PDB file of all heavy atoms in Angstrom:
ATOM      1  N   LYS A   1     110.395  75.851 120.572  1.00  0.00           N
ATOM      2  CA  LYS A   1     110.513  76.653 121.792  1.00  0.00           C
ATOM      3  C   LYS A   1     109.139  77.223 122.138  1.00  0.00           C
ATOM      4  O   LYS A   1     108.236  77.210 121.298  1.00  0.00           O
ATOM      5  CB  LYS A   1     111.558  77.749 121.634  1.00  0.00           C
ATOM      6  CG  LYS A   1     111.358  78.655 120.454  1.00  0.00           C
ATOM      7  CD  LYS A   1     112.557  79.587 120.298  1.00  0.00           C
ATOM      8  CE  LYS A   1     112.367  80.494 119.100  1.00  0.00           C
ATOM      9  NZ  LYS A   1     113.624  81.024 118.597  1.00  0.00           N
ATOM     10  N   PRO A   2     108.968  77.739 123.364  1.00  0.00           N
ATOM     11  CA  PRO A   2     107.624  78.157 123.790  1.00  0.00           C
ATOM     12  C   PRO A   2     106.983  79.230 122.909  1.00  0.00           C
ATOM     13  O   PRO A   2     105.761  79.341 122.884  1.00  0.00           O
ATOM     14  CB  PRO A   2     107.862  78.687 125.212  1.00  0.00           C
ATOM     15  CG  PRO A   2     109.055  77.938 125.702  1.00  0.00           C
ATOM     16  CD  PRO A   2     109.939  77.772 124.496  1.00  0.00           C
ATOM     17  N   SER A   3     107.786  79.998 122.165  1.00  0.00           N
ATOM     18  CA  SER A   3     107.222  81.102 121.374  1.00  0.00           C
ATOM     19  C   SER A   3     107.091  80.771 119.887  1.00  0.00           C
ATOM     20  O   SER A   3     106.932  81.668 119.067  1.00  0.00           O
ATOM     21  CB  SER A   3     108.115  82.332 121.526  1.00  0.00           C
ATOM     22  OG  SER A   3     109.423  82.017 121.073  1.00  0.00           O
ATOM     23  N   GLU A   4     107.146  79.496 119.532  1.00  0.00           N
ATOM     24  CA  GLU A   4     107.177  79.160 118.102  1.00  0.00           C
ATOM     25  C   GLU A   4     106.595  77.778 117.819  1.00  0.00           C
ATOM     26  O   GLU A   4     106.855  76.823 118.547  1.00  0.00           O
ATOM     27  CB  GLU A   4     108.648  79.194 117.660  1.00  0.00           C
ATOM     28  CG  GLU A   4     108.898  79.054 116.196  1.00  0.00           C
ATOM     29  CD  GLU A   4     110.408  79.138 115.897  1.00  0.00           C
ATOM     30  OE1 GLU A   4     111.016  80.196 116.151  1.00  0.00           O
ATOM     31  OE2 GLU A   4     110.959  78.120 115.450  1.00  0.00           O
ATOM     32  N   TYR A   5     105.782  77.693 116.765  1.00  0.00           N
ATOM     33  CA  TYR A   5     105.380  76.407 116.202  1.00  0.00           C
ATOM     34  C   TYR A   5     105.966  76.280 114.806  1.00  0.00           C
ATOM     35  O   TYR A   5     106.019  77.265 114.069  1.00  0.00           O
ATOM     36  CB  TYR A   5     103.857  76.317 116.076  1.00  0.00           C
ATOM     37  CG  TYR A   5     103.133  75.931 117.346  1.00  0.00           C
ATOM     38  CD1 TYR A   5     102.677  76.904 118.229  1.00  0.00           C
ATOM     39  CD2 TYR A   5     102.879  74.591 117.660  1.00  0.00           C
ATOM     40  CE1 TYR A   5     101.997  76.559 119.396  1.00  0.00           C
ATOM     41  CE2 TYR A   5     102.197  74.240 118.819  1.00  0.00           C
ATOM     42  CZ  TYR A   5     101.764  75.223 119.673  1.00  0.00           C
ATOM     43  OH  TYR A   5     101.097  74.880 120.815  1.00  0.00           O
ATOM     44  N   ARG A   6     106.392  75.071 114.458  1.00  0.00           N
ATOM     45  CA  ARG A   6     106.802  74.785 113.089  1.00  0.00           C
ATOM     46  C   ARG A   6     105.816  73.803 112.484  1.00  0.00           C
ATOM     47  O   ARG A   6     105.485  72.793 113.090  1.00  0.00           O
ATOM     48  CB  ARG A   6     108.198  74.166 113.052  1.00  0.00           C
ATOM     49  CG  ARG A   6     109.269  75.189 113.244  1.00  0.00           C
ATOM     50  CD  ARG A   6     110.641  74.588 113.013  1.00  0.00           C
ATOM     51  NE  ARG A   6     111.644  75.504 113.519  1.00  0.00           N
ATOM     52  CZ  ARG A   6     112.931  75.232 113.582  1.00  0.00           C
ATOM     53  NH1 ARG A   6     113.371  74.050 113.171  1.00  0.00           N
ATOM     54  NH2 ARG A   6     113.778  76.125 114.050  1.00  0.00           N
ATOM     55  N   PHE A   7     105.394  74.110 111.270  1.00  0.00           N
ATOM     56  CA  PHE A   7     104.439  73.279 110.538  1.00  0.00           C
ATOM     57  C   PHE A   7     105.130  72.805 109.263  1.00  0.00           C
ATOM     58  O   PHE A   7     105.498  73.619 108.421  1.00  0.00           O
ATOM     59  CB  PHE A   7     103.192  74.126 110.244  1.00  0.00           C
ATOM     60  CG  PHE A   7     102.144  73.451 109.400  1.00  0.00           C
ATOM     61  CD1 PHE A   7     101.912  72.080 109.476  1.00  0.00           C
ATOM     62  CD2 PHE A   7     101.356  74.204 108.526  1.00  0.00           C
ATOM     63  CE1 PHE A   7     100.934  71.487 108.707  1.00  0.00           C
ATOM     64  CE2 PHE A   7     100.373  73.614 107.763  1.00  0.00           C
ATOM     65  CZ  PHE A   7     100.164  72.250 107.845  1.00  0.00           C
ATOM     66  N   TYR A   8     105.363  71.486 109.192  1.00  0.00           N
ATOM     67  CA  TYR A   8     106.057  70.891 108.048  1.00  0.00           C
ATOM     68  C   TYR A   8     105.069  70.225 107.101  1.00  0.00           C
ATOM     69  O   TYR A   8     104.134  69.550 107.547  1.00  0.00           O
ATOM     70  CB  TYR A   8     106.992  69.781 108.508  1.00  0.00           C
ATOM     71  CG  TYR A   8     108.241  70.176 109.237  1.00  0.00           C
ATOM     72  CD1 TYR A   8     108.186  70.625 110.551  1.00  0.00           C
ATOM     73  CD2 TYR A   8     109.493  70.049 108.634  1.00  0.00           C
ATOM     74  CE1 TYR A   8     109.349  70.945 111.245  1.00  0.00           C
ATOM     75  CE2 TYR A   8     110.661  70.367 109.321  1.00  0.00           C
ATOM     76  CZ  TYR A   8     110.585  70.807 110.622  1.00  0.00           C
ATOM     77  OH  TYR A   8     111.732  71.133 111.311  1.00  0.00           O
ATOM     78  N   VAL A   9     105.327  70.374 105.796  1.00  0.00           N
ATOM     79  CA  VAL A   9     104.667  69.573 104.769  1.00  0.00           C
ATOM     80  C   VAL A   9     105.756  69.142 103.786  1.00  0.00           C
ATOM     81  O   VAL A   9     106.480  69.988 103.253  1.00  0.00           O
ATOM     82  CB  VAL A   9     103.574  70.372 104.022  1.00  0.00           C
ATOM     83  CG1 VAL A   9     102.990  69.535 102.885  1.00  0.00           C
ATOM     84  CG2 VAL A   9     102.462  70.806 104.970  1.00  0.00           C
ATOM     85  N   GLY A  10     105.898  67.823 103.601  1.00  0.00           N
ATOM     86  CA  GLY A  10     106.882  67.315 102.645  1.00  0.00           C
ATOM     87  C   GLY A  10     108.305  67.748 102.946  1.00  0.00           C
ATOM     88  O   GLY A  10     109.080  68.024 102.030  1.00  0.00           O
ATOM     89  N   GLY A  11     108.650  67.835 104.230  1.00  0.00           N
ATOM     90  CA  GLY A  11     110.022  68.137 104.620  1.00  0.00           C
ATOM     91  C   GLY A  11     110.382  69.614 104.694  1.00  0.00           C
ATOM     92  O   GLY A  11     111.427  69.981 105.222  1.00  0.00           O
ATOM     93  N   LYS A  12     109.515  70.498 104.159  1.00  0.00           N
ATOM     94  CA  LYS A  12     109.747  71.937 104.276  1.00  0.00           C
ATOM     95  C   LYS A  12     108.839  72.482 105.378  1.00  0.00           C
ATOM     96  O   LYS A  12     107.788  71.913 105.648  1.00  0.00           O
ATOM     97  CB  LYS A  12     109.397  72.651 102.959  1.00  0.00           C
ATOM     98  CG  LYS A  12     110.128  72.122 101.726  1.00  0.00           C
ATOM     99  CD  LYS A  12     111.402  72.892 101.504  1.00  0.00           C
ATOM    100  CE  LYS A  12     112.075  72.684 100.159  1.00  0.00           C
ATOM    101  NZ  LYS A  12     112.015  71.379  99.553  1.00  0.00           N
ATOM    102  N   PHE A  13     109.239  73.606 105.997  1.00  0.00           N
ATOM    103  CA  PHE A  13     108.395  74.108 107.081  1.00  0.00           C
ATOM    104  C   PHE A  13     108.230  75.623 107.042  1.00  0.00           C
ATOM    105  O   PHE A  13     109.022  76.344 106.435  1.00  0.00           O
ATOM    106  CB  PHE A  13     108.933  73.669 108.450  1.00  0.00           C
ATOM    107  CG  PHE A  13     110.251  74.287 108.858  1.00  0.00           C
ATOM    108  CD1 PHE A  13     110.292  75.495 109.542  1.00  0.00           C
ATOM    109  CD2 PHE A  13     111.444  73.642 108.571  1.00  0.00           C
ATOM    110  CE1 PHE A  13     111.509  76.057 109.936  1.00  0.00           C
ATOM    111  CE2 PHE A  13     112.664  74.190 108.960  1.00  0.00           C
ATOM    112  CZ  PHE A  13     112.694  75.400 109.638  1.00  0.00           C
ATOM    113  N   VAL A  14     107.173  76.079 107.689  1.00  0.00           N
ATOM    114  CA  VAL A  14     106.966  77.502 107.963  1.00  0.00           C
ATOM    115  C   VAL A  14     106.878  77.660 109.476  1.00  0.00           C
ATOM    116  O   VAL A  14     106.520  76.720 110.195  1.00  0.00           O
ATOM    117  CB  VAL A  14     105.704  78.077 107.285  1.00  0.00           C
ATOM    118  CG1 VAL A  14     105.928  78.279 105.796  1.00  0.00           C
ATOM    119  CG2 VAL A  14     104.488  77.195 107.525  1.00  0.00           C
ATOM    120  N   ILE A  15     107.239  78.862 109.933  1.00  0.00           N
ATOM    121  CA  ILE A  15     107.265  79.153 111.369  1.00  0.00           C
ATOM    122  C   ILE A  15     106.110  80.076 111.719  1.00  0.00           C
ATOM    123  O   ILE A  15     105.856  81.052 111.007  1.00  0.00           O
ATOM    124  CB  ILE A  15     108.599  79.838 111.735  1.00  0.00           C
ATOM    125  CG1 ILE A  15     109.750  78.827 111.639  1.00  0.00           C
ATOM    126  CG2 ILE A  15     108.539  80.436 113.142  1.00  0.00           C
ATOM    127  CD1 ILE A  15     111.124  79.440 111.793  1.00  0.00           C
ATOM    128  N   PHE A  16     105.407  79.754 112.789  1.00  0.00           N
ATOM    129  CA  PHE A  16     104.380  80.642 113.326  1.00  0.00           C
ATOM    130  C   PHE A  16     104.821  81.052 114.725  1.00  0.00           C
ATOM    131  O   PHE A  16     104.999  80.199 115.590  1.00  0.00           O
ATOM    132  CB  PHE A  16     103.016  79.946 113.348  1.00  0.00           C
ATOM    133  CG  PHE A  16     102.490  79.647 111.970  1.00  0.00           C
ATOM    134  CD1 PHE A  16     102.714  78.418 111.376  1.00  0.00           C
ATOM    135  CD2 PHE A  16     101.799  80.617 111.253  1.00  0.00           C
ATOM    136  CE1 PHE A  16     102.247  78.147 110.088  1.00  0.00           C
ATOM    137  CE2 PHE A  16     101.330  80.363 109.969  1.00  0.00           C
ATOM    138  CZ  PHE A  16     101.552  79.125 109.386  1.00  0.00           C
ATOM    139  N   ARG A  17     105.033  82.357 114.896  1.00  0.00           N
ATOM    140  CA  ARG A  17     105.467  82.864 116.205  1.00  0.00           C
ATOM    141  C   ARG A  17     104.244  83.141 117.059  1.00  0.00           C
ATOM    142  O   ARG A  17     103.299  83.776 116.600  1.00  0.00           O
ATOM    143  CB  ARG A  17     106.311  84.123 116.011  1.00  0.00           C
ATOM    144  CG  ARG A  17     107.662  83.787 115.438  1.00  0.00           C
ATOM    145  CD  ARG A  17     108.566  84.969 115.138  1.00  0.00           C
ATOM    146  NE  ARG A  17     109.758  84.471 114.446  1.00  0.00           N
ATOM    147  CZ  ARG A  17     109.812  84.235 113.129  1.00  0.00           C
ATOM    148  NH1 ARG A  17     108.760  84.464 112.373  1.00  0.00           N
ATOM    149  NH2 ARG A  17     110.920  83.759 112.584  1.00  0.00           N
ATOM    150  N   VAL A  18     104.292  82.660 118.277  1.00  0.00           N
ATOM    151  CA  VAL A  18     103.112  82.724 119.147  1.00  0.00           C
ATOM    152  C   VAL A  18     103.515  83.296 120.505  1.00  0.00           C
ATOM    153  O   VAL A  18     104.679  83.244 120.879  1.00  0.00           O
ATOM    154  CB  VAL A  18     102.500  81.314 119.343  1.00  0.00           C
ATOM    155  CG1 VAL A  18     102.025  80.741 118.018  1.00  0.00           C
ATOM    156  CG2 VAL A  18     103.480  80.361 120.017  1.00  0.00           C
ATOM    157  N   PRO A  19     102.551  83.856 121.244  1.00  0.00           N
ATOM    158  CA  PRO A  19     102.876  84.283 122.603  1.00  0.00           C
ATOM    159  C   PRO A  19     103.174  83.052 123.455  1.00  0.00           C
ATOM    160  O   PRO A  19     102.585  81.994 123.229  1.00  0.00           O
ATOM    161  CB  PRO A  19     101.602  84.980 123.090  1.00  0.00           C
ATOM    162  CG  PRO A  19     100.532  84.643 122.118  1.00  0.00           C
ATOM    163  CD  PRO A  19     101.160  84.121 120.875  1.00  0.00           C
ATOM    164  N   GLU A  20     104.085  83.171 124.388  1.00  0.00           N
ATOM    165  CA  GLU A  20     104.390  82.035 125.246  1.00  0.00           C
ATOM    166  C   GLU A  20     103.163  81.681 126.076  1.00  0.00           C
ATOM    167  O   GLU A  20     102.479  82.560 126.586  1.00  0.00           O
ATOM    168  CB  GLU A  20     105.585  82.360 126.146  1.00  0.00           C
ATOM    169  CG  GLU A  20     106.859  82.491 125.342  1.00  0.00           C
ATOM    170  CD  GLU A  20     108.121  82.342 126.173  1.00  0.00           C
ATOM    171  OE1 GLU A  20     108.051  81.788 127.282  1.00  0.00           O
ATOM    172  OE2 GLU A  20     109.176  82.769 125.680  1.00  0.00           O
ATOM    173  N   GLY A  21     102.898  80.383 126.185  1.00  0.00           N
ATOM    174  CA  GLY A  21     101.697  79.932 126.892  1.00  0.00           C
ATOM    175  C   GLY A  21     101.723  80.311 128.361  1.00  0.00           C
ATOM    176  O   GLY A  21     102.772  80.569 128.934  1.00  0.00           O
ATOM    177  N   HIS A  22     100.571  80.369 128.973  1.00  0.00           N
ATOM    178  CA  HIS A  22     100.473  80.716 130.389  1.00  0.00           C
ATOM    179  C   HIS A  22     100.110  79.485 131.193  1.00  0.00           C
ATOM    180  O   HIS A  22      99.236  79.520 132.053  1.00  0.00           O
ATOM    181  CB  HIS A  22      99.434  81.825 130.587  1.00  0.00           C
ATOM    182  CG  HIS A  22      99.759  83.049 129.797  1.00  0.00           C
ATOM    183  ND1 HIS A  22     100.860  83.836 130.057  1.00  0.00           N
ATOM    184  CD2 HIS A  22      99.147  83.612 128.725  1.00  0.00           C
ATOM    185  CE1 HIS A  22     100.902  84.839 129.188  1.00  0.00           C
ATOM    186  NE2 HIS A  22      99.882  84.720 128.371  1.00  0.00           N
ATOM    187  N   GLY A  23     100.766  78.373 130.877  1.00  0.00           N
ATOM    188  CA  GLY A  23     100.495  77.139 131.614  1.00  0.00           C
ATOM    189  C   GLY A  23      99.058  76.689 131.462  1.00  0.00           C
ATOM    190  O   GLY A  23      98.417  76.292 132.417  1.00  0.00           O
ATOM    191  N   ASP A  24      98.549  76.772 130.232  1.00  0.00           N
ATOM    192  CA  ASP A  24      97.174  76.359 129.979  1.00  0.00           C
ATOM    193  C   ASP A  24      97.162  75.422 128.776  1.00  0.00           C
ATOM    194  O   ASP A  24      98.156  75.273 128.070  1.00  0.00           O
ATOM    195  CB  ASP A  24      96.299  77.595 129.698  1.00  0.00           C
ATOM    196  CG  ASP A  24      94.848  77.368 130.107  1.00  0.00           C
ATOM    197  OD1 ASP A  24      94.453  76.183 130.308  1.00  0.00           O
ATOM    198  OD2 ASP A  24      94.108  78.350 130.207  1.00  0.00           O
ATOM    199  N   TRP A  25      96.008  74.790 128.541  1.00  0.00           N
ATOM    200  CA  TRP A  25      95.838  73.993 127.320  1.00  0.00           C
ATOM    201  C   TRP A  25      96.016  74.900 126.103  1.00  0.00           C
ATOM    202  O   TRP A  25      95.566  76.045 126.108  1.00  0.00           O
ATOM    203  CB  TRP A  25      94.437  73.384 127.293  1.00  0.00           C
ATOM    204  CG  TRP A  25      94.290  72.178 128.154  1.00  0.00           C
ATOM    205  CD1 TRP A  25      93.891  72.152 129.456  1.00  0.00           C
ATOM    206  CD2 TRP A  25      94.543  70.825 127.782  1.00  0.00           C
ATOM    207  NE1 TRP A  25      93.877  70.849 129.917  1.00  0.00           N
ATOM    208  CE2 TRP A  25      94.274  70.017 128.914  1.00  0.00           C
ATOM    209  CE3 TRP A  25      94.972  70.207 126.597  1.00  0.00           C
ATOM    210  CZ2 TRP A  25      94.409  68.621 128.897  1.00  0.00           C
ATOM    211  CZ3 TRP A  25      95.116  68.829 126.576  1.00  0.00           C
ATOM    212  CH2 TRP A  25      94.834  68.046 127.712  1.00  0.00           C
ATOM    213  N   GLU A  26      96.672  74.377 125.067  1.00  0.00           N
ATOM    214  CA  GLU A  26      96.775  75.087 123.782  1.00  0.00           C
ATOM    215  C   GLU A  26      96.118  74.228 122.718  1.00  0.00           C
ATOM    216  O   GLU A  26      96.436  73.036 122.593  1.00  0.00           O
ATOM    217  CB  GLU A  26      98.247  75.330 123.410  1.00  0.00           C
ATOM    218  CG  GLU A  26      98.879  76.413 124.243  1.00  0.00           C
ATOM    219  CD  GLU A  26     100.267  76.835 123.733  1.00  0.00           C
ATOM    220  OE1 GLU A  26     100.747  76.307 122.701  1.00  0.00           O
ATOM    221  OE2 GLU A  26     100.865  77.701 124.390  1.00  0.00           O
ATOM    222  N   HIS A  27      95.209  74.840 121.974  1.00  0.00           N
ATOM    223  CA  HIS A  27      94.565  74.134 120.867  1.00  0.00           C
ATOM    224  C   HIS A  27      95.140  74.668 119.567  1.00  0.00           C
ATOM    225  O   HIS A  27      95.118  75.873 119.326  1.00  0.00           O
ATOM    226  CB  HIS A  27      93.048  74.364 120.902  1.00  0.00           C
ATOM    227  CG  HIS A  27      92.336  73.585 119.835  1.00  0.00           C
ATOM    228  ND1 HIS A  27      92.015  74.131 118.607  1.00  0.00           N
ATOM    229  CD2 HIS A  27      91.905  72.295 119.790  1.00  0.00           C
ATOM    230  CE1 HIS A  27      91.405  73.211 117.862  1.00  0.00           C
ATOM    231  NE2 HIS A  27      91.324  72.094 118.562  1.00  0.00           N
ATOM    232  N   VAL A  28      95.680  73.766 118.736  1.00  0.00           N
ATOM    233  CA  VAL A  28      96.208  74.191 117.441  1.00  0.00           C
ATOM    234  C   VAL A  28      95.536  73.430 116.313  1.00  0.00           C
ATOM    235  O   VAL A  28      95.210  72.244 116.461  1.00  0.00           O
ATOM    236  CB  VAL A  28      97.745  74.009 117.326  1.00  0.00           C
ATOM    237  CG1 VAL A  28      98.475  74.899 118.312  1.00  0.00           C
ATOM    238  CG2 VAL A  28      98.170  72.573 117.493  1.00  0.00           C
ATOM    239  N   CYS A  29      95.329  74.139 115.220  1.00  0.00           N
ATOM    240  CA  CYS A  29      94.915  73.522 113.963  1.00  0.00           C
ATOM    241  C   CYS A  29      95.846  74.043 112.878  1.00  0.00           C
ATOM    242  O   CYS A  29      96.149  75.242 112.848  1.00  0.00           O
ATOM    243  CB  CYS A  29      93.488  73.909 113.579  1.00  0.00           C
ATOM    244  SG  CYS A  29      92.202  73.113 114.555  1.00  0.00           S
ATOM    245  N   ALA A  30      96.287  73.140 112.014  1.00  0.00           N
ATOM    246  CA  ALA A  30      97.108  73.542 110.878  1.00  0.00           C
ATOM    247  C   ALA A  30      96.486  72.927 109.637  1.00  0.00           C
ATOM    248  O   ALA A  30      96.162  71.738 109.626  1.00  0.00           O
ATOM    249  CB  ALA A  30      98.534  73.066 111.060  1.00  0.00           C
ATOM    250  N   SER A  31      96.281  73.755 108.607  1.00  0.00           N
ATOM    251  CA  SER A  31      95.730  73.199 107.369  1.00  0.00           C
ATOM    252  C   SER A  31      96.586  73.639 106.198  1.00  0.00           C
ATOM    253  O   SER A  31      97.320  74.636 106.268  1.00  0.00           O
ATOM    254  CB  SER A  31      94.264  73.600 107.179  1.00  0.00           C
ATOM    255  OG  SER A  31      94.171  74.893 106.645  1.00  0.00           O
ATOM    256  N   TRP A  32      96.491  72.847 105.131  1.00  0.00           N
ATOM    257  CA  TRP A  32      97.340  73.095 103.959  1.00  0.00           C
ATOM    258  C   TRP A  32      96.583  72.702 102.709  1.00  0.00           C
ATOM    259  O   TRP A  32      95.803  71.758 102.710  1.00  0.00           O
ATOM    260  CB  TRP A  32      98.617  72.277 104.101  1.00  0.00           C
ATOM    261  CG  TRP A  32      99.491  72.287 102.883  1.00  0.00           C
ATOM    262  CD1 TRP A  32     100.384  73.253 102.516  1.00  0.00           C
ATOM    263  CD2 TRP A  32      99.565  71.273 101.882  1.00  0.00           C
ATOM    264  NE1 TRP A  32     101.009  72.893 101.343  1.00  0.00           N
ATOM    265  CE2 TRP A  32     100.528  71.688 100.934  1.00  0.00           C
ATOM    266  CE3 TRP A  32      98.914  70.050 101.689  1.00  0.00           C
ATOM    267  CZ2 TRP A  32     100.842  70.927  99.800  1.00  0.00           C
ATOM    268  CZ3 TRP A  32      99.223  69.293 100.569  1.00  0.00           C
ATOM    269  CH2 TRP A  32     100.178  69.725  99.644  1.00  0.00           C
ATOM    270  N   GLU A  33      96.838  73.487 101.646  1.00  0.00           N
ATOM    271  CA  GLU A  33      96.165  73.221 100.380  1.00  0.00           C
ATOM    272  C   GLU A  33      97.216  73.247  99.275  1.00  0.00           C
ATOM    273  O   GLU A  33      97.968  74.215  99.145  1.00  0.00           O
ATOM    274  CB  GLU A  33      95.058  74.254 100.251  1.00  0.00           C
ATOM    275  CG  GLU A  33      94.760  74.875  98.971  1.00  0.00           C
ATOM    276  CD  GLU A  33      93.668  75.944  99.116  1.00  0.00           C
ATOM    277  OE1 GLU A  33      92.559  75.622  99.561  1.00  0.00           O
ATOM    278  OE2 GLU A  33      93.945  77.088  98.756  1.00  0.00           O
ATOM    279  N   SER A  34      97.279  72.159  98.530  1.00  0.00           N
ATOM    280  CA  SER A  34      98.307  71.997  97.500  1.00  0.00           C
ATOM    281  C   SER A  34      98.171  73.028  96.370  1.00  0.00           C
ATOM    282  O   SER A  34      99.165  73.605  95.923  1.00  0.00           O
ATOM    283  CB  SER A  34      98.226  70.583  96.914  1.00  0.00           C
ATOM    284  OG  SER A  34      99.119  70.441  95.833  1.00  0.00           O
ATOM    285  N   ALA A  35      96.929  73.262  95.932  1.00  0.00           N
ATOM    286  CA  ALA A  35      96.708  74.116  94.748  1.00  0.00           C
ATOM    287  C   ALA A  35      97.307  75.517  94.915  1.00  0.00           C
ATOM    288  O   ALA A  35      97.886  76.066  93.982  1.00  0.00           O
ATOM    289  CB  ALA A  35      95.212  74.215  94.452  1.00  0.00           C
ATOM    290  N   THR A  36      97.185  76.076  96.125  1.00  0.00           N
ATOM    291  CA  THR A  36      97.694  77.436  96.357  1.00  0.00           C
ATOM    292  C   THR A  36      98.978  77.416  97.183  1.00  0.00           C
ATOM    293  O   THR A  36      99.669  78.432  97.284  1.00  0.00           O
ATOM    294  CB  THR A  36      96.670  78.259  97.154  1.00  0.00           C
ATOM    295  OG1 THR A  36      96.384  77.563  98.372  1.00  0.00           O
ATOM    296  CG2 THR A  36      95.383  78.451  96.367  1.00  0.00           C
ATOM    297  N   GLY A  37      99.275  76.268  97.827  1.00  0.00           N
ATOM    298  CA  GLY A  37     100.411  76.213  98.728  1.00  0.00           C
ATOM    299  C   GLY A  37     100.213  77.089  99.953  1.00  0.00           C
ATOM    300  O   GLY A  37     101.151  77.600 100.533  1.00  0.00           O
ATOM    301  N   ILE A  38      98.941  77.252 100.347  1.00  0.00           N
ATOM    302  CA  ILE A  38      98.656  78.093 101.517  1.00  0.00           C
ATOM    303  C   ILE A  38      98.613  77.225 102.779  1.00  0.00           C
ATOM    304  O   ILE A  38      97.910  76.222 102.834  1.00  0.00           O
ATOM    305  CB  ILE A  38      97.304  78.835 101.358  1.00  0.00           C
ATOM    306  CG1 ILE A  38      97.399  79.924 100.284  1.00  0.00           C
ATOM    307  CG2 ILE A  38      96.845  79.446 102.690  1.00  0.00           C
ATOM    308  CD1 ILE A  38      98.114  81.186 100.701  1.00  0.00           C
ATOM    309  N   ALA A  39      99.392  77.656 103.778  1.00  0.00           N
ATOM    310  CA  ALA A  39      99.382  76.997 105.088  1.00  0.00           C
ATOM    311  C   ALA A  39      98.662  77.920 106.063  1.00  0.00           C
ATOM    312  O   ALA A  39      98.982  79.107 106.161  1.00  0.00           O
ATOM    313  CB  ALA A  39     100.806  76.741 105.569  1.00  0.00           C
ATOM    314  N   GLU A  40      97.687  77.351 106.755  1.00  0.00           N
ATOM    315  CA  GLU A  40      96.921  78.108 107.752  1.00  0.00           C
ATOM    316  C   GLU A  40      97.265  77.564 109.128  1.00  0.00           C
ATOM    317  O   GLU A  40      97.432  76.354 109.291  1.00  0.00           O
ATOM    318  CB  GLU A  40      95.423  77.870 107.535  1.00  0.00           C
ATOM    319  CG  GLU A  40      94.687  79.020 106.933  1.00  0.00           C
ATOM    320  CD  GLU A  40      93.204  78.713 106.792  1.00  0.00           C
ATOM    321  OE1 GLU A  40      92.530  78.434 107.810  1.00  0.00           O
ATOM    322  OE2 GLU A  40      92.708  78.754 105.660  1.00  0.00           O
ATOM    323  N   PHE A  41      97.318  78.461 110.101  1.00  0.00           N
ATOM    324  CA  PHE A  41      97.614  78.039 111.470  1.00  0.00           C
ATOM    325  C   PHE A  41      96.661  78.769 112.411  1.00  0.00           C
ATOM    326  O   PHE A  41      96.550  79.987 112.371  1.00  0.00           O
ATOM    327  CB  PHE A  41      99.071  78.364 111.818  1.00  0.00           C
ATOM    328  CG  PHE A  41      99.470  77.934 113.201  1.00  0.00           C
ATOM    329  CD1 PHE A  41      99.850  76.621 113.461  1.00  0.00           C
ATOM    330  CD2 PHE A  41      99.464  78.842 114.253  1.00  0.00           C
ATOM    331  CE1 PHE A  41     100.213  76.225 114.745  1.00  0.00           C
ATOM    332  CE2 PHE A  41      99.820  78.453 115.542  1.00  0.00           C
ATOM    333  CZ  PHE A  41     100.202  77.139 115.778  1.00  0.00           C
ATOM    334  N   TRP A  42      95.989  77.994 113.254  1.00  0.00           N
ATOM    335  CA  TRP A  42      95.044  78.545 114.232  1.00  0.00           C
ATOM    336  C   TRP A  42      95.496  78.140 115.620  1.00  0.00           C
ATOM    337  O   TRP A  42      95.805  76.970 115.865  1.00  0.00           O
ATOM    338  CB  TRP A  42      93.637  78.000 113.989  1.00  0.00           C
ATOM    339  CG  TRP A  42      92.997  78.465 112.724  1.00  0.00           C
ATOM    340  CD1 TRP A  42      93.415  78.207 111.442  1.00  0.00           C
ATOM    341  CD2 TRP A  42      91.815  79.273 112.595  1.00  0.00           C
ATOM    342  NE1 TRP A  42      92.565  78.793 110.543  1.00  0.00           N
ATOM    343  CE2 TRP A  42      91.575  79.449 111.209  1.00  0.00           C
ATOM    344  CE3 TRP A  42      90.929  79.843 113.527  1.00  0.00           C
ATOM    345  CZ2 TRP A  42      90.485  80.182 110.737  1.00  0.00           C
ATOM    346  CZ3 TRP A  42      89.847  80.566 113.054  1.00  0.00           C
ATOM    347  CH2 TRP A  42      89.639  80.743 111.668  1.00  0.00           C
ATOM    348  N   LEU A  43      95.533  79.100 116.523  1.00  0.00           N
ATOM    349  CA  LEU A  43      95.890  78.825 117.910  1.00  0.00           C
ATOM    350  C   LEU A  43      94.740  79.303 118.798  1.00  0.00           C
ATOM    351  O   LEU A  43      94.357  80.473 118.731  1.00  0.00           O
ATOM    352  CB  LEU A  43      97.184  79.550 118.285  1.00  0.00           C
ATOM    353  CG  LEU A  43      97.620  79.442 119.746  1.00  0.00           C
ATOM    354  CD1 LEU A  43      97.990  78.015 120.106  1.00  0.00           C
ATOM    355  CD2 LEU A  43      98.803  80.369 120.036  1.00  0.00           C
ATOM    356  N   ASN A  44      94.187  78.387 119.582  1.00  0.00           N
ATOM    357  CA  ASN A  44      93.072  78.708 120.487  1.00  0.00           C
ATOM    358  C   ASN A  44      91.949  79.457 119.775  1.00  0.00           C
ATOM    359  O   ASN A  44      91.422  80.446 120.266  1.00  0.00           O
ATOM    360  CB  ASN A  44      93.577  79.496 121.698  1.00  0.00           C
ATOM    361  CG  ASN A  44      94.530  78.666 122.555  1.00  0.00           C
ATOM    362  OD1 ASN A  44      94.461  77.439 122.531  1.00  0.00           O
ATOM    363  ND2 ASN A  44      95.410  79.310 123.272  1.00  0.00           N
ATOM    364  N   GLY A  45      91.602  78.939 118.589  1.00  0.00           N
ATOM    365  CA  GLY A  45      90.456  79.473 117.847  1.00  0.00           C
ATOM    366  C   GLY A  45      90.717  80.741 117.065  1.00  0.00           C
ATOM    367  O   GLY A  45      89.781  81.315 116.502  1.00  0.00           O
TER     368      GLY A  45
END
């Protein structure tokens, strides 16, 4: 939905709640590291 991104790794996911877009380009980056199990999510820098 417009206020949420889901980031899956290996069938499991975490939710990142975001402000609804204003009809503009959205840039997303998602990174993950196995050793710590840390998921990072970046929206528009």
